[in-house]
């Protein structure tokens, strides 16, 4: 099941491989989609990137220890879902 969403970037994110390249710019609204347990957001280069997972899935994958949040910590630190 794929659901289209819009997200607001609340903290800029720089590319891991190219630190001078911004992937997501604070204050900008991006198109995205929820795909089962994953959230993908279209970055500055117009590619859909995996940016979040449900907390349960993050725990299952060993990314975080607690499932006490809706989305993983990185996603909630960088984005806010505007419409779902």
Protein backbone atom coordinates (compact mmCIF):
# COMPACT_ATOMS: atom_id res chain seq x y z
CA UNK A 1 0.00 0.00 0.00
CA UNK A 2 1.51 3.34 -1.09
CA UNK A 3 0.09 6.60 0.26
CA UNK A 4 1.21 10.03 -1.04
CA UNK A 5 2.22 12.57 1.62
CA UNK A 6 3.76 16.03 1.94
CA UNK A 7 6.43 16.68 4.57
CA UNK A 8 7.98 19.86 5.92
CA UNK A 9 11.72 19.71 6.52
CA UNK A 10 12.40 21.15 9.99
CA UNK A 11 16.16 20.53 9.99
CA UNK A 12 18.47 20.57 6.94
CA UNK A 13 20.20 17.33 6.08
CA UNK A 14 23.53 17.08 4.27
CA UNK A 15 24.59 14.22 2.01
CA UNK A 16 26.80 11.66 3.77
CA UNK A 17 29.02 11.12 0.72
CA UNK A 18 29.17 14.80 -0.33
CA UNK A 19 29.04 17.03 2.79
CA UNK A 20 28.63 20.21 0.71
CA UNK A 21 25.46 18.83 -0.92
CA UNK A 22 22.13 19.43 0.86
CA UNK A 23 19.66 16.56 0.57
CA UNK A 24 16.80 18.28 2.43
CA UNK A 25 16.55 22.02 3.14
CA UNK A 26 14.96 23.36 6.34
CA UNK A 27 11.64 25.11 5.69
CA UNK A 28 11.00 23.40 2.35
CA UNK A 29 8.01 21.15 1.66
CA UNK A 30 8.76 17.84 -0.07
CA UNK A 31 6.63 15.19 -1.75
CA UNK A 32 6.82 11.77 -0.23
CA UNK A 33 5.08 8.49 0.22
CA UNK A 34 4.32 5.98 2.93
CA UNK A 35 5.00 2.49 1.68
CA UNK A 36 3.87 0.01 4.35
CA UNK A 37 6.48 0.47 7.15
CA UNK A 38 8.69 2.90 5.23
CA UNK A 39 8.60 6.62 4.46
CA UNK A 40 10.27 7.88 1.31
CA UNK A 41 10.79 11.58 0.54
CA UNK A 42 11.86 13.20 -2.72
CA UNK A 43 15.21 14.90 -2.05
CA UNK A 44 16.75 17.96 -3.73
CA UNK A 45 17.92 15.80 -6.65
CA UNK A 46 14.29 14.63 -7.16
CA UNK A 47 15.01 11.03 -6.11
CA UNK A 48 12.83 9.20 -3.59
CA UNK A 49 14.96 8.32 -0.57
CA UNK A 50 14.14 6.12 2.40
CA UNK A 51 14.02 8.49 5.38
CA UNK A 52 11.94 6.74 8.01
CA UNK A 53 10.34 3.55 9.22
CA UNK A 54 7.73 2.73 11.80
CA UNK A 55 9.27 2.43 15.25
CA UNK A 56 8.37 -1.27 15.34
CA UNK A 57 10.24 -1.89 12.10
CA UNK A 58 13.21 0.16 13.34
CA UNK A 59 13.36 -2.04 16.45
CA UNK A 60 13.09 -5.20 14.33
CA UNK A 61 16.02 -4.01 12.19
CA UNK A 62 18.09 -3.06 15.24
CA UNK A 63 18.10 0.65 14.36
CA UNK A 64 16.60 1.68 17.70
CA UNK A 65 15.79 -0.08 20.96
CA UNK A 66 12.38 1.33 21.83
CA UNK A 67 9.15 1.20 19.87
CA UNK A 68 7.68 4.08 21.87
CA UNK A 69 7.45 6.45 18.89
CA UNK A 70 5.53 6.47 15.62
CA UNK A 71 8.60 7.02 13.42
CA UNK A 72 12.29 6.57 13.95
CA UNK A 73 14.28 9.34 15.63
CA UNK A 74 16.04 10.63 12.50
CA UNK A 75 12.77 11.19 10.67
CA UNK A 76 11.08 13.03 13.56
CA UNK A 77 14.17 15.20 14.02
CA UNK A 78 14.17 16.28 10.35
CA UNK A 79 10.54 16.21 9.13
CA UNK A 80 6.93 16.91 9.99
CA UNK A 81 4.14 15.22 8.03
CA UNK A 82 1.76 17.90 6.69
CA UNK A 83 -0.95 15.69 5.24
CA UNK A 84 -1.45 11.97 5.38
